[in-house]
């Protein structure tokens, strides 16, 4: 398991954060997602043998946001 932060520059409200946190139920290998619109970031803890940064970025894009790995 690793923990990684992604900047989400176009997140504007708590509903946006909740929408991103719902990826926890969709993506295989995710243990936990915490999104903060105040900090414009999402912290995700996941199994990197099951999930790549590219898959996370793509899933965030499908929700309508931009993710930048930090």
PDB file of N, CA and C in Angstrom:
ATOM      1  N   UNK A   1       0.843  -1.194   0.000  1.00  0.00           N
ATOM      2  CA  UNK A   1       0.000   0.000   0.000  1.00  0.00           C
ATOM      3  C   UNK A   1       0.877   1.242   0.000  1.00  0.00           C
ATOM      4  N   UNK A   2       0.465   2.196  -0.789  1.00  0.00           N
ATOM      5  CA  UNK A   2       1.134   3.493  -0.768  1.00  0.00           C
ATOM      6  C   UNK A   2       0.081   4.579  -0.588  1.00  0.00           C
ATOM      7  N   UNK A   3       0.526   5.738  -0.150  1.00  0.00           N
ATOM      8  CA  UNK A   3      -0.344   6.899   0.014  1.00  0.00           C
ATOM      9  C   UNK A   3       0.214   7.995  -0.878  1.00  0.00           C
ATOM     10  N   UNK A   4      -0.644   8.570  -1.713  1.00  0.00           N
ATOM     11  CA  UNK A   4      -0.195   9.571  -2.666  1.00  0.00           C
ATOM     12  C   UNK A   4      -1.175  10.739  -2.702  1.00  0.00           C
ATOM     13  N   UNK A   5      -0.641  11.930  -2.936  1.00  0.00           N
ATOM     14  CA  UNK A   5      -1.458  13.134  -3.039  1.00  0.00           C
ATOM     15  C   UNK A   5      -1.555  13.564  -4.494  1.00  0.00           C
ATOM     16  N   UNK A   6      -2.768  13.906  -4.895  1.00  0.00           N
ATOM     17  CA  UNK A   6      -3.020  14.455  -6.224  1.00  0.00           C
ATOM     18  C   UNK A   6      -3.634  15.835  -6.056  1.00  0.00           C
ATOM     19  N   UNK A   7      -3.113  16.817  -6.765  1.00  0.00           N
ATOM     20  CA  UNK A   7      -3.725  18.143  -6.790  1.00  0.00           C
ATOM     21  C   UNK A   7      -4.942  18.076  -7.702  1.00  0.00           C
ATOM     22  N   UNK A   8      -6.032  18.702  -7.269  1.00  0.00           N
ATOM     23  CA  UNK A   8      -7.275  18.760  -8.050  1.00  0.00           C
ATOM     24  C   UNK A   8      -7.624  20.249  -8.176  1.00  0.00           C
ATOM     25  N   UNK A   9      -7.034  20.955  -9.136  1.00  0.00           N
ATOM     26  CA  UNK A   9      -7.177  22.414  -9.197  1.00  0.00           C
ATOM     27  C   UNK A   9      -8.582  22.914  -9.512  1.00  0.00           C
ATOM     28  N   UNK A  10      -9.438  22.063 -10.097  1.00  0.00           N
ATOM     29  CA  UNK A  10     -10.775  22.517 -10.472  1.00  0.00           C
ATOM     30  C   UNK A  10     -11.873  22.039  -9.513  1.00  0.00           C
ATOM     31  N   UNK A  11     -11.487  21.620  -8.309  1.00  0.00           N
ATOM     32  CA  UNK A  11     -12.464  21.252  -7.276  1.00  0.00           C
ATOM     33  C   UNK A  11     -12.933  22.542  -6.603  1.00  0.00           C
ATOM     34  N   UNK A  12     -14.262  22.717  -6.504  1.00  0.00           N
ATOM     35  CA  UNK A  12     -14.779  24.000  -6.018  1.00  0.00           C
ATOM     36  C   UNK A  12     -15.656  23.940  -4.769  1.00  0.00           C
ATOM     37  N   UNK A  13     -16.042  22.722  -4.333  1.00  0.00           N
ATOM     38  CA  UNK A  13     -16.961  22.651  -3.195  1.00  0.00           C
ATOM     39  C   UNK A  13     -16.881  21.293  -2.510  1.00  0.00           C
ATOM     40  N   UNK A  14     -17.595  21.165  -1.400  1.00  0.00           N
ATOM     41  CA  UNK A  14     -17.581  19.895  -0.671  1.00  0.00           C
ATOM     42  C   UNK A  14     -18.258  18.783  -1.465  1.00  0.00           C
ATOM     43  N   UNK A  15     -19.219  19.121  -2.319  1.00  0.00           N
ATOM     44  CA  UNK A  15     -19.837  18.101  -3.165  1.00  0.00           C
ATOM     45  C   UNK A  15     -18.821  17.517  -4.141  1.00  0.00           C
ATOM     46  N   UNK A  16     -17.924  18.358  -4.635  1.00  0.00           N
ATOM     47  CA  UNK A  16     -16.845  17.881  -5.507  1.00  0.00           C
ATOM     48  C   UNK A  16     -15.988  16.872  -4.757  1.00  0.00           C
ATOM     49  N   UNK A  17     -15.651  17.196  -3.527  1.00  0.00           N
ATOM     50  CA  UNK A  17     -14.824  16.307  -2.712  1.00  0.00           C
ATOM     51  C   UNK A  17     -15.531  14.972  -2.491  1.00  0.00           C
ATOM     52  N   UNK A  18     -16.826  15.013  -2.220  1.00  0.00           N
ATOM     53  CA  UNK A  18     -17.585  13.777  -2.006  1.00  0.00           C
ATOM     54  C   UNK A  18     -17.638  12.942  -3.286  1.00  0.00           C
ATOM     55  N   UNK A  19     -17.771  13.609  -4.418  1.00  0.00           N
ATOM     56  CA  UNK A  19     -17.791  12.901  -5.691  1.00  0.00           C
ATOM     57  C   UNK A  19     -16.466  12.169  -5.923  1.00  0.00           C
ATOM     58  N   UNK A  20     -15.365  12.829  -5.592  1.00  0.00           N
ATOM     59  CA  UNK A  20     -14.054  12.199  -5.754  1.00  0.00           C
ATOM     60  C   UNK A  20     -13.859  11.064  -4.751  1.00  0.00           C
ATOM     61  N   UNK A  21     -14.335  11.232  -3.545  1.00  0.00           N
ATOM     62  CA  UNK A  21     -14.213  10.178  -2.539  1.00  0.00           C
ATOM     63  C   UNK A  21     -15.020   8.937  -2.924  1.00  0.00           C
ATOM     64  N   UNK A  22     -16.038   9.108  -3.756  1.00  0.00           N
ATOM     65  CA  UNK A  22     -16.836   7.957  -4.201  1.00  0.00           C
ATOM     66  C   UNK A  22     -16.037   7.023  -5.112  1.00  0.00           C
ATOM     67  N   UNK A  23     -14.897   7.477  -5.603  1.00  0.00           N
ATOM     68  CA  UNK A  23     -14.029   6.615  -6.408  1.00  0.00           C
ATOM     69  C   UNK A  23     -13.538   5.419  -5.599  1.00  0.00           C
ATOM     70  N   UNK A  24     -13.554   5.547  -4.285  1.00  0.00           N
ATOM     71  CA  UNK A  24     -13.143   4.468  -3.388  1.00  0.00           C
ATOM     72  C   UNK A  24     -13.954   3.192  -3.657  1.00  0.00           C
ATOM     73  N   UNK A  25     -15.227   3.360  -4.017  1.00  0.00           N
ATOM     74  CA  UNK A  25     -16.102   2.218  -4.265  1.00  0.00           C
ATOM     75  C   UNK A  25     -15.937   1.648  -5.672  1.00  0.00           C
ATOM     76  N   UNK A  26     -15.318   2.405  -6.559  1.00  0.00           N
ATOM     77  CA  UNK A  26     -15.225   2.031  -7.969  1.00  0.00           C
ATOM     78  C   UNK A  26     -13.871   1.426  -8.325  1.00  0.00           C
ATOM     79  N   UNK A  27     -12.806   1.989  -7.769  1.00  0.00           N
ATOM     80  CA  UNK A  27     -11.454   1.573  -8.141  1.00  0.00           C
ATOM     81  C   UNK A  27     -10.978   0.397  -7.306  1.00  0.00           C
ATOM     82  N   UNK A  28     -10.500  -0.640  -7.980  1.00  0.00           N
ATOM     83  CA  UNK A  28      -9.987  -1.822  -7.302  1.00  0.00           C
ATOM     84  C   UNK A  28      -8.630  -1.514  -6.673  1.00  0.00           C
ATOM     85  N   UNK A  29      -8.466  -1.882  -5.418  1.00  0.00           N
ATOM     86  CA  UNK A  29      -7.190  -1.690  -4.735  1.00  0.00           C
ATOM     87  C   UNK A  29      -7.126  -0.465  -3.852  1.00  0.00           C
ATOM     88  N   UNK A  30      -8.194   0.334  -3.817  1.00  0.00           N
ATOM     89  CA  UNK A  30      -8.198   1.547  -2.996  1.00  0.00           C
ATOM     90  C   UNK A  30      -8.597   1.204  -1.569  1.00  0.00           C
ATOM     91  N   UNK A  31      -7.789   1.668  -0.628  1.00  0.00           N
ATOM     92  CA  UNK A  31      -8.128   1.496   0.793  1.00  0.00           C
ATOM     93  C   UNK A  31      -8.915   2.698   1.287  1.00  0.00           C
ATOM     94  N   UNK A  32      -8.451   3.916   0.934  1.00  0.00           N
ATOM     95  CA  UNK A  32      -9.103   5.124   1.444  1.00  0.00           C
ATOM     96  C   UNK A  32      -8.801   6.312   0.535  1.00  0.00           C
ATOM     97  N   UNK A  33      -9.795   7.193   0.394  1.00  0.00           N
ATOM     98  CA  UNK A  33      -9.622   8.461  -0.325  1.00  0.00           C
ATOM     99  C   UNK A  33     -10.139   9.582   0.558  1.00  0.00           C
ATOM    100  N   UNK A  34      -9.338  10.624   0.722  1.00  0.00           N
ATOM    101  CA  UNK A  34      -9.750  11.842   1.414  1.00  0.00           C
ATOM    102  C   UNK A  34      -9.508  13.011   0.478  1.00  0.00           C
ATOM    103  N   UNK A  35     -10.579  13.712   0.153  1.00  0.00           N
ATOM    104  CA  UNK A  35     -10.474  14.868  -0.734  1.00  0.00           C
ATOM    105  C   UNK A  35     -10.813  16.132   0.053  1.00  0.00           C
ATOM    106  N   UNK A  36     -10.095  17.213  -0.232  1.00  0.00           N
ATOM    107  CA  UNK A  36     -10.334  18.493   0.437  1.00  0.00           C
ATOM    108  C   UNK A  36     -10.407  19.606  -0.600  1.00  0.00           C
ATOM    109  N   UNK A  37     -11.574  20.242  -0.682  1.00  0.00           N
ATOM    110  CA  UNK A  37     -11.661  21.348  -1.638  1.00  0.00           C
ATOM    111  C   UNK A  37     -10.961  22.601  -1.104  1.00  0.00           C
ATOM    112  N   UNK A  38     -10.754  22.687   0.195  1.00  0.00           N
ATOM    113  CA  UNK A  38     -10.008  23.817   0.764  1.00  0.00           C
ATOM    114  C   UNK A  38      -8.542  23.773   0.335  1.00  0.00           C
ATOM    115  N   UNK A  39      -7.990  22.565   0.271  1.00  0.00           N
ATOM    116  CA  UNK A  39      -6.582  22.401  -0.129  1.00  0.00           C
ATOM    117  C   UNK A  39      -6.436  22.044  -1.608  1.00  0.00           C
ATOM    118  N   UNK A  40      -7.570  21.822  -2.275  1.00  0.00           N
ATOM    119  CA  UNK A  40      -7.582  21.425  -3.690  1.00  0.00           C
ATOM    120  C   UNK A  40      -6.730  20.189  -3.931  1.00  0.00           C
ATOM    121  N   UNK A  41      -6.947  19.169  -3.083  1.00  0.00           N
ATOM    122  CA  UNK A  41      -6.172  17.954  -3.241  1.00  0.00           C
ATOM    123  C   UNK A  41      -6.966  16.724  -2.802  1.00  0.00           C
ATOM    124  N   UNK A  42      -6.478  15.591  -3.262  1.00  0.00           N
ATOM    125  CA  UNK A  42      -7.046  14.302  -2.911  1.00  0.00           C
ATOM    126  C   UNK A  42      -5.891  13.409  -2.468  1.00  0.00           C
ATOM    127  N   UNK A  43      -6.028  12.809  -1.285  1.00  0.00           N
ATOM    128  CA  UNK A  43      -5.027  11.866  -0.784  1.00  0.00           C
ATOM    129  C   UNK A  43      -5.647  10.479  -0.899  1.00  0.00           C
ATOM    130  N   UNK A  44      -4.934   9.596  -1.565  1.00  0.00           N
ATOM    131  CA  UNK A  44      -5.458   8.255  -1.798  1.00  0.00           C
ATOM    132  C   UNK A  44      -4.451   7.217  -1.320  1.00  0.00           C
ATOM    133  N   UNK A  45      -4.949   6.252  -0.562  1.00  0.00           N
ATOM    134  CA  UNK A  45      -4.130   5.129  -0.119  1.00  0.00           C
ATOM    135  C   UNK A  45      -4.590   3.915  -0.910  1.00  0.00           C
ATOM    136  N   UNK A  46      -3.650   3.278  -1.613  1.00  0.00           N
ATOM    137  CA  UNK A  46      -4.030   2.202  -2.517  1.00  0.00           C
ATOM    138  C   UNK A  46      -2.900   1.196  -2.714  1.00  0.00           C
ATOM    139  N   UNK A  47      -3.291   0.047  -3.265  1.00  0.00           N
ATOM    140  CA  UNK A  47      -2.364  -1.028  -3.584  1.00  0.00           C
ATOM    141  C   UNK A  47      -1.825  -0.763  -4.990  1.00  0.00           C
ATOM    142  N   UNK A  48      -0.552  -0.370  -5.065  1.00  0.00           N
ATOM    143  CA  UNK A  48       0.003   0.003  -6.368  1.00  0.00           C
ATOM    144  C   UNK A  48       0.303  -1.207  -7.257  1.00  0.00           C
ATOM    145  N   UNK A  49       0.034  -2.418  -6.780  1.00  0.00           N
ATOM    146  CA  UNK A  49       0.128  -3.583  -7.660  1.00  0.00           C
ATOM    147  C   UNK A  49      -1.194  -3.808  -8.401  1.00  0.00           C
ATOM    148  N   UNK A  50      -2.262  -3.124  -7.957  1.00  0.00           N
ATOM    149  CA  UNK A  50      -3.576  -3.249  -8.581  1.00  0.00           C
ATOM    150  C   UNK A  50      -4.005  -1.991  -9.321  1.00  0.00           C
ATOM    151  N   UNK A  51      -3.373  -0.864  -9.026  1.00  0.00           N
ATOM    152  CA  UNK A  51      -3.834   0.428  -9.527  1.00  0.00           C
ATOM    153  C   UNK A  51      -2.651   1.326  -9.834  1.00  0.00           C
ATOM    154  N   UNK A  52      -2.706   2.018 -10.969  1.00  0.00           N
ATOM    155  CA  UNK A  52      -1.619   2.925 -11.354  1.00  0.00           C
ATOM    156  C   UNK A  52      -2.077   4.373 -11.233  1.00  0.00           C
ATOM    157  N   UNK A  53      -1.103   5.285 -11.222  1.00  0.00           N
ATOM    158  CA  UNK A  53      -1.423   6.711 -11.210  1.00  0.00           C
ATOM    159  C   UNK A  53      -2.273   7.078 -12.423  1.00  0.00           C
ATOM    160  N   UNK A  54      -1.955   6.498 -13.567  1.00  0.00           N
ATOM    161  CA  UNK A  54      -2.693   6.798 -14.793  1.00  0.00           C
ATOM    162  C   UNK A  54      -4.161   6.389 -14.675  1.00  0.00           C
ATOM    163  N   UNK A  55      -4.418   5.248 -14.026  1.00  0.00           N
ATOM    164  CA  UNK A  55      -5.805   4.810 -13.830  1.00  0.00           C
ATOM    165  C   UNK A  55      -6.545   5.749 -12.883  1.00  0.00           C
ATOM    166  N   UNK A  56      -5.859   6.220 -11.858  1.00  0.00           N
ATOM    167  CA  UNK A  56      -6.471   7.167 -10.918  1.00  0.00           C
ATOM    168  C   UNK A  56      -6.789   8.468 -11.642  1.00  0.00           C
ATOM    169  N   UNK A  57      -5.831   8.992 -12.384  1.00  0.00           N
ATOM    170  CA  UNK A  57      -6.022  10.248 -13.119  1.00  0.00           C
ATOM    171  C   UNK A  57      -7.177  10.112 -14.108  1.00  0.00           C
ATOM    172  N   UNK A  58      -7.265   8.973 -14.779  1.00  0.00           N
ATOM    173  CA  UNK A  58      -8.349   8.730 -15.732  1.00  0.00           C
ATOM    174  C   UNK A  58      -9.709   8.679 -15.031  1.00  0.00           C
ATOM    175  N   UNK A  59      -9.776   8.021 -13.882  1.00  0.00           N
ATOM    176  CA  UNK A  59     -11.038   7.936 -13.129  1.00  0.00           C
ATOM    177  C   UNK A  59     -11.475   9.318 -12.639  1.00  0.00           C
ATOM    178  N   UNK A  60     -10.522  10.123 -12.198  1.00  0.00           N
ATOM    179  CA  UNK A  60     -10.835  11.488 -11.765  1.00  0.00           C
ATOM    180  C   UNK A  60     -11.362  12.295 -12.951  1.00  0.00           C
ATOM    181  N   UNK A  61     -10.752  12.116 -14.114  1.00  0.00           N
ATOM    182  CA  UNK A  61     -11.192  12.825 -15.326  1.00  0.00           C
ATOM    183  C   UNK A  61     -12.617  12.437 -15.697  1.00  0.00           C
ATOM    184  N   UNK A  62     -12.961  11.150 -15.528  1.00  0.00           N
ATOM    185  CA  UNK A  62     -14.328  10.694 -15.812  1.00  0.00           C
ATOM    186  C   UNK A  62     -15.337  11.364 -14.890  1.00  0.00           C
ATOM    187  N   UNK A  63     -14.905  11.768 -13.692  1.00  0.00           N
ATOM    188  CA  UNK A  63     -15.784  12.486 -12.760  1.00  0.00           C
ATOM    189  C   UNK A  63     -15.864  13.981 -13.095  1.00  0.00           C
ATOM    190  N   UNK A  64     -15.032  14.437 -14.054  1.00  0.00           N
ATOM    191  CA  UNK A  64     -15.092  15.829 -14.493  1.00  0.00           C
ATOM    192  C   UNK A  64     -14.007  16.733 -13.917  1.00  0.00           C
ATOM    193  N   UNK A  65     -12.953  16.146 -13.374  1.00  0.00           N
ATOM    194  CA  UNK A  65     -11.894  16.937 -12.731  1.00  0.00           C
ATOM    195  C   UNK A  65     -10.529  16.593 -13.295  1.00  0.00           C
ATOM    196  N   UNK A  66      -9.571  17.432 -12.993  1.00  0.00           N
ATOM    197  CA  UNK A  66      -8.188  17.240 -13.384  1.00  0.00           C
ATOM    198  C   UNK A  66      -7.390  16.815 -12.162  1.00  0.00           C
ATOM    199  N   UNK A  67      -6.598  15.750 -12.310  1.00  0.00           N
ATOM    200  CA  UNK A  67      -5.735  15.285 -11.222  1.00  0.00           C
ATOM    201  C   UNK A  67      -4.286  15.389 -11.649  1.00  0.00           C
ATOM    202  N   UNK A  68      -3.469  15.941 -10.762  1.00  0.00           N
ATOM    203  CA  UNK A  68      -2.044  16.087 -11.030  1.00  0.00           C
ATOM    204  C   UNK A  68      -1.294  15.411  -9.878  1.00  0.00           C
ATOM    205  N   UNK A  69      -0.527  14.370 -10.200  1.00  0.00           N
ATOM    206  CA  UNK A  69       0.245  13.669  -9.171  1.00  0.00           C
ATOM    207  C   UNK A  69       1.317  14.585  -8.634  1.00  0.00           C
ATOM    208  N   UNK A  70       1.508  14.561  -7.301  1.00  0.00           N
ATOM    209  CA  UNK A  70       2.546  15.413  -6.699  1.00  0.00           C
ATOM    210  C   UNK A  70       3.655  14.566  -6.129  1.00  0.00           C
TER     211      UNK A  70
END
